[in-house]
Amino acid sequence: MPLISRILPEQLYARRWQLLALTSVGAFMGPLDGSIVSVALPKMGRSLHLSFTASIWVQAAYLLVMAVFLIPLGRLADQRGRVHYYLAGIAVFTIGSLFSALSMNVTWLIVSRALQGVGAALLVATSAAIVTAVFPPQERGRALGINVMAVYLGLSVGPPLGGFLTDHFGWRSIFFVNLPIGIAVAACGYLLLPRHELGDERAMHPDPLGTGLWGLALVCLLVPMTFASQWGWTSPRTLGLLAIAAAALAVFIAAERRVADPLLDLDLLFHNRLFAAANVAALLNYMALGAITILTAVYLEVVQGRSAGLTGWLMLAQPAVMAALSPFSGRLSDRVGSRLLASGGMAIVALGMLLLATMPTSSGLVRVMASLGVVGLGMAAFSAPNMSAIMGSVQKRQLGLASAFVGTMRVTGQALSVAVLGGIAASALGPAGGRLLLTLGTPVPGQNRAAALASAAYVLLHFARGYRYAMLTGAGLALVGALASLTRGQHVPPPATGHGGPAGGLPRGQVS
C-alpha cells in the first residue's frame, strides 16, 4: 500500500474514513486512561497511602497539564502540521503511561500523570481538526459524532476493564494496558498518515508572553480550587492565587489585543456568537459532570462496599449510552442544527445528576445504572452537535485552534469539576476524614476495633452527604449551561479567506 503522503488530495479525501479511524483511536486513549484510574483509586490509595486530596491530584494533574498546553499546541499544530503533532502525542502519552505504571510513590505518580497530560493535549488539539479538514460539511457532523463516540468508547471500556485488571493484576496493570495500544497506533500512523504537510505559513511567529500568561492564569485558578476545601476558601493562599489568576487573565487579554500573531484570536470570542456560546456551554457542561466518574466510583466502592470489578460494570452505563447515541446525534445535527440538541442534552444531564443526588445509600444496581444512563443520554445529545457547530464556525486555518479551545474548555471544566465537586464531597470529612476515606479497612497500629468502626461510620456518613451536595451542584451547573447554550445563534459560515475558505468548505482531501 503506498504512503498517503504520495497520494493526490482527491485520493486522500477518498481515504477520509481511514483517517477518521486512526485519529479516533487517539481520541479513545485519553478517556480510557481517565476512567480506568477512577475505578482503581481506592486500591491505589491503599498501596501508595494516598489521602483523598492526593487522589484528586492524580486526576487533576492530568487535566491541569492538558488545559495549560492545549491552545499553545493547537496553534503550533496549525502552523507546522497537525499530523506530526498527533503522532508525537501518541508517543508522549505512551511513555507517560509506562512511567505511571512504574510509580513507587505519590509524587512519581502525579508527575507521570502530568506527562500523560502533555501527550493527551497533543491528541485532543489535533484529532478533531484532522477529521474536520478531510470531511465535507454535509458529512462533518456524522464524522465528528463517530470521533466523539470513540471518546465515549474509551469511557465505556475503562471502568469494566479497570475493575477487572485491578482485581486480578493490581492497579499498575491499568497503565500497562496503554502500551500496546500506543505502539500499534504510532506504527499505523507512521505508515498511513501523510509524513509531509504544510502548515499556515502566515502564522509562524511564537507568542511566549501570551503562552506564559495563559498558563499562569490556569495554574493559579485550578490549584486553589483543588485545595480550597483543605486550605479554606478565605485563606491567604486561596485568595492570593485566585487574585493572581484574575490579574494574569486580564493582562493576557490586553496583551493579545496588541500582538500581531496572538496565541488566541479573541475575535472568536467577542465577534463569533456561535463559537463563544458553544464553548461556554461546553465549559459548564464538563464542570457539571467531570467529577461524576471519580466520585461515584468512590461512593460505590467505599460507601456501598462494592468490588472494583462490579463498580466498573455499573459505571459502564453512562459512557455506553453516550457511545451508542453520539453518531446518531451528530448525524441529526447535520439536518436540524446544534442549538436545541445541545441545550436539551444539558437539561437531561441535570436530570441525571438529580437522580444521583437523591439515590439512597442502599440503592440497588438498577437505580445506579438508570441514573448514570440518563446522564449518558444527555451527554450524547450535547457533545457531537456542539463540537460540529464549533468546528464549522471557524476558518480552515483556525481548525487546530478551535479544536484546542473546545478541548481546553472540556479539560478545564473537568479539572474544575474534580476540584469543586470533589471539594464539596470531601468538605464535611475534614483533614482526618479525607486521609481515612481511601484507606478504610487498613489496620491502624494502636487503634481498637470499636474506634475503627466508629471512624469508618463517621467517614462513610459524611462522604455520602457530601456526594449528594456535589451532585446537586452539578445539576445546577448543567441547567445554567443549558441556558447559555440557548443563546447561540443560527450557524452562519465564516467568510472565505484565500483558497481554503471556511472549515465548512474545505477542498476535499486537504489536511491542513
Foldseek 3Di string as FASTA:
>chain_A
DAEPQPDDLVVLLVCLVVLLVLLLLLLLLVLLLVLLLLLQLLVVCQQQLDFLLLSLLLNLLLLLLLLLCQLVLLLVCQAFNLLVLQLVLLVQLLVLLVQCLVDDHSVSNSVSSNSNSNSSSSSLLRSLLLSLQFDFLLCSLLSLLLSVLSNLVSNLCRQLVSLVCCVPPNNSVSSVVSNVSSVVSSVVSVRYPRPDAHHPNVADDDDVLLSVLSSLLSVLQLVLLQCCLAQPCPHCSNVVSNVSNVVSVVVSVVVQVVDPRHSDDCCCQVPAQLLNLLLLLLLLLLLLCLCVSNLVSLLCCQLVVDGSNVSSNLSSLQSVLLSVQQSVLSSVCSPVAQQVLQLVLLLQLLVLLLLVLPADSNHDSVSSSVSSNSNNNSCSSRDSRSLSLQQQAFASSCNSSSSSSSVSSNSSSSSSNSSNLVSQLCSVLHSVLSSCSSVQPPDDPPDDPVRSVVSSVSSSVSNSNSNSVSSNVSSVSSNVSSVSSNSGDGRDGDAQDPDQGGSNRGDRSRSD
